[in-house]
Amino acid sequence: MMPLTMARPGETVTIRKITGKDEVRQHLAELGFVVDSTVTVVTELAGNLILQVKDSRIALDKTMANRIMI
């Protein structure tokens, strides 16, 4: 496993685990980041990611993206 920040732009990955406090995991789940779902990295800028999750594009900062393991 590795953090989501290690994925390259254009790569589609599967979420294996989400770390952090319950509130953080709940917030990410509400955004669509759940275990076994797929996420596509649209672009990366200074470690911050823009991600395609289902039919939405979501921007995550580096610290949040590091909590998502792929």
PDB file of N, CA and C in Angstrom:
ATOM      1  N   MET A   1       0.847  -1.202   0.000  1.00  0.00           N
ATOM      2  CA  MET A   1       0.000   0.000   0.000  1.00  0.00           C
ATOM      3  C   MET A   1       0.877   1.244   0.000  1.00  0.00           C
ATOM      4  N   MET A   2       0.349   2.287  -0.610  1.00  0.00           N
ATOM      5  CA  MET A   2       1.036   3.579  -0.627  1.00  0.00           C
ATOM      6  C   MET A   2      -0.019   4.680  -0.584  1.00  0.00           C
ATOM      7  N   PRO A   3       0.391   5.898  -0.175  1.00  0.00           N
ATOM      8  CA  PRO A   3      -0.588   6.991  -0.131  1.00  0.00           C
ATOM      9  C   PRO A   3      -1.007   7.429  -1.532  1.00  0.00           C
ATOM     10  N   LEU A   4      -2.190   8.011  -1.612  1.00  0.00           N
ATOM     11  CA  LEU A   4      -2.739   8.486  -2.883  1.00  0.00           C
ATOM     12  C   LEU A   4      -1.829   9.509  -3.551  1.00  0.00           C
ATOM     13  N   THR A   5      -1.048  10.234  -2.781  1.00  0.00           N
ATOM     14  CA  THR A   5      -0.153  11.253  -3.344  1.00  0.00           C
ATOM     15  C   THR A   5       0.909  10.637  -4.249  1.00  0.00           C
ATOM     16  N   MET A   6       1.137   9.321  -4.165  1.00  0.00           N
ATOM     17  CA  MET A   6       2.139   8.656  -5.001  1.00  0.00           C
ATOM     18  C   MET A   6       1.595   8.315  -6.392  1.00  0.00           C
ATOM     19  N   ALA A   7       0.280   8.410  -6.585  1.00  0.00           N
ATOM     20  CA  ALA A   7      -0.310   8.108  -7.895  1.00  0.00           C
ATOM     21  C   ALA A   7       0.020   9.223  -8.884  1.00  0.00           C
ATOM     22  N   ARG A   8       0.188   8.860 -10.125  1.00  0.00           N
ATOM     23  CA  ARG A   8       0.522   9.809 -11.187  1.00  0.00           C
ATOM     24  C   ARG A   8      -0.736  10.348 -11.853  1.00  0.00           C
ATOM     25  N   PRO A   9      -0.693  11.566 -12.403  1.00  0.00           N
ATOM     26  CA  PRO A   9      -1.848  12.098 -13.136  1.00  0.00           C
ATOM     27  C   PRO A   9      -2.260  11.161 -14.271  1.00  0.00           C
ATOM     28  N   GLY A  10      -3.566  10.939 -14.402  1.00  0.00           N
ATOM     29  CA  GLY A  10      -4.099  10.042 -15.409  1.00  0.00           C
ATOM     30  C   GLY A  10      -4.270   8.617 -14.922  1.00  0.00           C
ATOM     31  N   GLU A  11      -3.707   8.304 -13.767  1.00  0.00           N
ATOM     32  CA  GLU A  11      -3.770   6.946 -13.226  1.00  0.00           C
ATOM     33  C   GLU A  11      -5.084   6.734 -12.477  1.00  0.00           C
ATOM     34  N   THR A  12      -5.691   5.562 -12.665  1.00  0.00           N
ATOM     35  CA  THR A  12      -6.887   5.179 -11.925  1.00  0.00           C
ATOM     36  C   THR A  12      -6.486   4.133 -10.903  1.00  0.00           C
ATOM     37  N   VAL A  13      -6.814   4.385  -9.639  1.00  0.00           N
ATOM     38  CA  VAL A  13      -6.393   3.504  -8.549  1.00  0.00           C
ATOM     39  C   VAL A  13      -7.614   3.100  -7.712  1.00  0.00           C
ATOM     40  N   THR A  14      -7.440   2.060  -6.915  1.00  0.00           N
ATOM     41  CA  THR A  14      -8.489   1.578  -6.026  1.00  0.00           C
ATOM     42  C   THR A  14      -8.093   1.882  -4.583  1.00  0.00           C
ATOM     43  N   ILE A  15      -9.016   2.434  -3.824  1.00  0.00           N
ATOM     44  CA  ILE A  15      -8.754   2.763  -2.423  1.00  0.00           C
ATOM     45  C   ILE A  15      -8.735   1.475  -1.607  1.00  0.00           C
ATOM     46  N   ARG A  16      -7.675   1.272  -0.828  1.00  0.00           N
ATOM     47  CA  ARG A  16      -7.536   0.079  -0.001  1.00  0.00           C
ATOM     48  C   ARG A  16      -7.827   0.354   1.477  1.00  0.00           C
ATOM     49  N   LYS A  17      -7.504   1.571   1.946  1.00  0.00           N
ATOM     50  CA  LYS A  17      -7.663   1.881   3.368  1.00  0.00           C
ATOM     51  C   LYS A  17      -7.676   3.396   3.527  1.00  0.00           C
ATOM     52  N   ILE A  18      -8.422   3.883   4.530  1.00  0.00           N
ATOM     53  CA  ILE A  18      -8.434   5.308   4.858  1.00  0.00           C
ATOM     54  C   ILE A  18      -8.058   5.444   6.321  1.00  0.00           C
ATOM     55  N   THR A  19      -7.012   6.216   6.582  1.00  0.00           N
ATOM     56  CA  THR A  19      -6.519   6.385   7.942  1.00  0.00           C
ATOM     57  C   THR A  19      -6.975   7.734   8.501  1.00  0.00           C
ATOM     58  N   GLY A  20      -6.773   7.937   9.798  1.00  0.00           N
ATOM     59  CA  GLY A  20      -7.135   9.196  10.428  1.00  0.00           C
ATOM     60  C   GLY A  20      -8.252   9.011  11.446  1.00  0.00           C
ATOM     61  N   LYS A  21      -8.633  10.116  12.057  1.00  0.00           N
ATOM     62  CA  LYS A  21      -9.698  10.090  13.057  1.00  0.00           C
ATOM     63  C   LYS A  21     -11.040   9.786  12.403  1.00  0.00           C
ATOM     64  N   ASP A  22     -12.003   9.385  13.225  1.00  0.00           N
ATOM     65  CA  ASP A  22     -13.330   9.043  12.719  1.00  0.00           C
ATOM     66  C   ASP A  22     -13.955  10.178  11.918  1.00  0.00           C
ATOM     67  N   GLU A  23     -13.792  11.421  12.408  1.00  0.00           N
ATOM     68  CA  GLU A  23     -14.397  12.567  11.711  1.00  0.00           C
ATOM     69  C   GLU A  23     -13.800  12.729  10.317  1.00  0.00           C
ATOM     70  N   VAL A  24     -12.491  12.525  10.209  1.00  0.00           N
ATOM     71  CA  VAL A  24     -11.814  12.663   8.920  1.00  0.00           C
ATOM     72  C   VAL A  24     -12.282  11.575   7.965  1.00  0.00           C
ATOM     73  N   ARG A  25     -12.344  10.339   8.431  1.00  0.00           N
ATOM     74  CA  ARG A  25     -12.783   9.228   7.590  1.00  0.00           C
ATOM     75  C   ARG A  25     -14.229   9.424   7.157  1.00  0.00           C
ATOM     76  N   GLN A  26     -15.061   9.930   8.058  1.00  0.00           N
ATOM     77  CA  GLN A  26     -16.467  10.193   7.730  1.00  0.00           C
ATOM     78  C   GLN A  26     -16.575  11.276   6.656  1.00  0.00           C
ATOM     79  N   HIS A  27     -15.794  12.337   6.810  1.00  0.00           N
ATOM     80  CA  HIS A  27     -15.808  13.433   5.837  1.00  0.00           C
ATOM     81  C   HIS A  27     -15.388  12.929   4.452  1.00  0.00           C
ATOM     82  N   LEU A  28     -14.317  12.138   4.399  1.00  0.00           N
ATOM     83  CA  LEU A  28     -13.861  11.606   3.119  1.00  0.00           C
ATOM     84  C   LEU A  28     -14.905  10.666   2.515  1.00  0.00           C
ATOM     85  N   ALA A  29     -15.577   9.871   3.362  1.00  0.00           N
ATOM     86  CA  ALA A  29     -16.625   8.973   2.876  1.00  0.00           C
ATOM     87  C   ALA A  29     -17.775   9.772   2.267  1.00  0.00           C
ATOM     88  N   GLU A  30     -18.120  10.897   2.870  1.00  0.00           N
ATOM     89  CA  GLU A  30     -19.195  11.742   2.340  1.00  0.00           C
ATOM     90  C   GLU A  30     -18.818  12.336   0.990  1.00  0.00           C
ATOM     91  N   LEU A  31     -17.521  12.525   0.754  1.00  0.00           N
ATOM     92  CA  LEU A  31     -17.054  13.038  -0.530  1.00  0.00           C
ATOM     93  C   LEU A  31     -16.973  11.939  -1.590  1.00  0.00           C
ATOM     94  N   GLY A  32     -17.109  10.677  -1.163  1.00  0.00           N
ATOM     95  CA  GLY A  32     -17.077   9.568  -2.105  1.00  0.00           C
ATOM     96  C   GLY A  32     -15.850   8.689  -2.004  1.00  0.00           C
ATOM     97  N   PHE A  33     -14.962   8.997  -1.068  1.00  0.00           N
ATOM     98  CA  PHE A  33     -13.745   8.194  -0.896  1.00  0.00           C
ATOM     99  C   PHE A  33     -14.030   7.049   0.074  1.00  0.00           C
ATOM    100  N   VAL A  34     -14.400   5.900  -0.475  1.00  0.00           N
ATOM    101  CA  VAL A  34     -14.696   4.727   0.338  1.00  0.00           C
ATOM    102  C   VAL A  34     -13.823   3.567  -0.135  1.00  0.00           C
ATOM    103  N   VAL A  35     -13.554   2.638   0.761  1.00  0.00           N
ATOM    104  CA  VAL A  35     -12.700   1.491   0.452  1.00  0.00           C
ATOM    105  C   VAL A  35     -13.300   0.695  -0.706  1.00  0.00           C
ATOM    106  N   ASP A  36     -12.429   0.255  -1.599  1.00  0.00           N
ATOM    107  CA  ASP A  36     -12.752  -0.523  -2.804  1.00  0.00           C
ATOM    108  C   ASP A  36     -13.379   0.300  -3.934  1.00  0.00           C
ATOM    109  N   SER A  37     -13.473   1.617  -3.777  1.00  0.00           N
ATOM    110  CA  SER A  37     -13.932   2.438  -4.897  1.00  0.00           C
ATOM    111  C   SER A  37     -12.719   2.893  -5.712  1.00  0.00           C
ATOM    112  N   THR A  38     -12.951   3.272  -6.969  1.00  0.00           N
ATOM    113  CA  THR A  38     -11.854   3.725  -7.816  1.00  0.00           C
ATOM    114  C   THR A  38     -11.827   5.241  -7.876  1.00  0.00           C
ATOM    115  N   VAL A  39     -10.612   5.767  -8.015  1.00  0.00           N
ATOM    116  CA  VAL A  39     -10.370   7.206  -8.077  1.00  0.00           C
ATOM    117  C   VAL A  39      -9.373   7.444  -9.205  1.00  0.00           C
ATOM    118  N   THR A  40      -9.620   8.470 -10.006  1.00  0.00           N
ATOM    119  CA  THR A  40      -8.677   8.836 -11.063  1.00  0.00           C
ATOM    120  C   THR A  40      -8.027  10.160 -10.707  1.00  0.00           C
ATOM    121  N   VAL A  41      -6.693  10.205 -10.796  1.00  0.00           N
ATOM    122  CA  VAL A  41      -5.950  11.437 -10.544  1.00  0.00           C
ATOM    123  C   VAL A  41      -6.021  12.270 -11.817  1.00  0.00           C
ATOM    124  N   VAL A  42      -6.665  13.439 -11.741  1.00  0.00           N
ATOM    125  CA  VAL A  42      -6.787  14.316 -12.901  1.00  0.00           C
ATOM    126  C   VAL A  42      -5.504  15.119 -13.062  1.00  0.00           C
ATOM    127  N   THR A  43      -5.080  15.780 -11.986  1.00  0.00           N
ATOM    128  CA  THR A  43      -3.846  16.559 -12.023  1.00  0.00           C
ATOM    129  C   THR A  43      -3.289  16.717 -10.620  1.00  0.00           C
ATOM    130  N   GLU A  44      -2.018  17.095 -10.561  1.00  0.00           N
ATOM    131  CA  GLU A  44      -1.340  17.292  -9.281  1.00  0.00           C
ATOM    132  C   GLU A  44      -0.587  18.612  -9.349  1.00  0.00           C
ATOM    133  N   LEU A  45      -0.735  19.433  -8.307  1.00  0.00           N
ATOM    134  CA  LEU A  45      -0.078  20.728  -8.269  1.00  0.00           C
ATOM    135  C   LEU A  45       0.472  20.956  -6.874  1.00  0.00           C
ATOM    136  N   ALA A  46       1.777  20.964  -6.739  1.00  0.00           N
ATOM    137  CA  ALA A  46       2.460  21.167  -5.452  1.00  0.00           C
ATOM    138  C   ALA A  46       2.013  20.156  -4.394  1.00  0.00           C
ATOM    139  N   GLY A  47       1.756  18.927  -4.837  1.00  0.00           N
ATOM    140  CA  GLY A  47       1.339  17.878  -3.901  1.00  0.00           C
ATOM    141  C   GLY A  47      -0.153  17.803  -3.685  1.00  0.00           C
ATOM    142  N   ASN A  48      -0.883  18.844  -4.048  1.00  0.00           N
ATOM    143  CA  ASN A  48      -2.343  18.837  -3.932  1.00  0.00           C
ATOM    144  C   ASN A  48      -2.927  18.161  -5.174  1.00  0.00           C
ATOM    145  N   LEU A  49      -4.008  17.413  -4.982  1.00  0.00           N
ATOM    146  CA  LEU A  49      -4.546  16.604  -6.071  1.00  0.00           C
ATOM    147  C   LEU A  49      -5.951  17.027  -6.473  1.00  0.00           C
ATOM    148  N   ILE A  50      -6.227  16.941  -7.761  1.00  0.00           N
ATOM    149  CA  ILE A  50      -7.604  17.040  -8.254  1.00  0.00           C
ATOM    150  C   ILE A  50      -7.962  15.643  -8.718  1.00  0.00           C
ATOM    151  N   LEU A  51      -9.055  15.107  -8.171  1.00  0.00           N
ATOM    152  CA  LEU A  51      -9.420  13.717  -8.366  1.00  0.00           C
ATOM    153  C   LEU A  51     -10.804  13.582  -8.971  1.00  0.00           C
ATOM    154  N   GLN A  52     -10.971  12.569  -9.795  1.00  0.00           N
ATOM    155  CA  GLN A  52     -12.281  12.219 -10.348  1.00  0.00           C
ATOM    156  C   GLN A  52     -12.827  11.077  -9.504  1.00  0.00           C
ATOM    157  N   VAL A  53     -13.919  11.343  -8.782  1.00  0.00           N
ATOM    158  CA  VAL A  53     -14.553  10.334  -7.946  1.00  0.00           C
ATOM    159  C   VAL A  53     -15.993  10.209  -8.422  1.00  0.00           C
ATOM    160  N   LYS A  54     -16.334   9.035  -8.937  1.00  0.00           N
ATOM    161  CA  LYS A  54     -17.650   8.819  -9.548  1.00  0.00           C
ATOM    162  C   LYS A  54     -17.859   9.891 -10.616  1.00  0.00           C
ATOM    163  N   ASP A  55     -18.865  10.753 -10.485  1.00  0.00           N
ATOM    164  CA  ASP A  55     -19.106  11.773 -11.509  1.00  0.00           C
ATOM    165  C   ASP A  55     -18.658  13.159 -11.078  1.00  0.00           C
ATOM    166  N   SER A  56     -17.833  13.251 -10.037  1.00  0.00           N
ATOM    167  CA  SER A  56     -17.420  14.552  -9.502  1.00  0.00           C
ATOM    168  C   SER A  56     -15.910  14.714  -9.521  1.00  0.00           C
ATOM    169  N   ARG A  57     -15.486  15.960  -9.616  1.00  0.00           N
ATOM    170  CA  ARG A  57     -14.066  16.270  -9.455  1.00  0.00           C
ATOM    171  C   ARG A  57     -13.895  16.942  -8.103  1.00  0.00           C
ATOM    172  N   ILE A  58     -12.935  16.453  -7.345  1.00  0.00           N
ATOM    173  CA  ILE A  58     -12.722  16.938  -5.988  1.00  0.00           C
ATOM    174  C   ILE A  58     -11.247  17.268  -5.810  1.00  0.00           C
ATOM    175  N   ALA A  59     -10.967  18.393  -5.176  1.00  0.00           N
ATOM    176  CA  ALA A  59      -9.592  18.771  -4.863  1.00  0.00           C
ATOM    177  C   ALA A  59      -9.295  18.398  -3.416  1.00  0.00           C
ATOM    178  N   LEU A  60      -8.145  17.753  -3.216  1.00  0.00           N
ATOM    179  CA  LEU A  60      -7.707  17.375  -1.872  1.00  0.00           C
ATOM    180  C   LEU A  60      -6.312  17.914  -1.641  1.00  0.00           C
ATOM    181  N   ASP A  61      -6.074  18.440  -0.441  1.00  0.00           N
ATOM    182  CA  ASP A  61      -4.720  18.881  -0.134  1.00  0.00           C
ATOM    183  C   ASP A  61      -3.853  17.672   0.191  1.00  0.00           C
ATOM    184  N   LYS A  62      -2.551  17.919   0.263  1.00  0.00           N
ATOM    185  CA  LYS A  62      -1.582  16.844   0.444  1.00  0.00           C
ATOM    186  C   LYS A  62      -1.825  16.033   1.713  1.00  0.00           C
ATOM    187  N   THR A  63      -2.182  16.695   2.829  1.00  0.00           N
ATOM    188  CA  THR A  63      -2.356  15.969   4.090  1.00  0.00           C
ATOM    189  C   THR A  63      -3.554  15.032   4.033  1.00  0.00           C
ATOM    190  N   MET A  64      -4.647  15.457   3.410  1.00  0.00           N
ATOM    191  CA  MET A  64      -5.820  14.590   3.265  1.00  0.00           C
ATOM    192  C   MET A  64      -5.523  13.448   2.303  1.00  0.00           C
ATOM    193  N   ALA A  65      -4.864  13.738   1.206  1.00  0.00           N
ATOM    194  CA  ALA A  65      -4.545  12.693   0.225  1.00  0.00           C
ATOM    195  C   ALA A  65      -3.617  11.648   0.811  1.00  0.00           C
ATOM    196  N   ASN A  66      -2.749  12.034   1.732  1.00  0.00           N
ATOM    197  CA  ASN A  66      -1.832  11.085   2.356  1.00  0.00           C
ATOM    198  C   ASN A  66      -2.569  10.108   3.267  1.00  0.00           C
ATOM    199  N   ARG A  67      -3.787  10.409   3.671  1.00  0.00           N
ATOM    200  CA  ARG A  67      -4.558   9.523   4.534  1.00  0.00           C
ATOM    201  C   ARG A  67      -5.281   8.432   3.750  1.00  0.00           C
ATOM    202  N   ILE A  68      -5.311   8.577   2.437  1.00  0.00           N
ATOM    203  CA  ILE A  68      -5.975   7.595   1.578  1.00  0.00           C
ATOM    204  C   ILE A  68      -4.906   6.656   1.029  1.00  0.00           C
ATOM    205  N   MET A  69      -5.016   5.372   1.365  1.00  0.00           N
ATOM    206  CA  MET A  69      -4.038   4.381   0.927  1.00  0.00           C
ATOM    207  C   MET A  69      -4.574   3.622  -0.285  1.00  0.00           C
ATOM    208  N   ILE A  70      -3.683   3.421  -1.260  1.00  0.00           N
ATOM    209  CA  ILE A  70      -4.062   2.708  -2.484  1.00  0.00           C
ATOM    210  C   ILE A  70      -3.206   1.460  -2.637  1.00  0.00           C
TER     211      ILE A  70
END
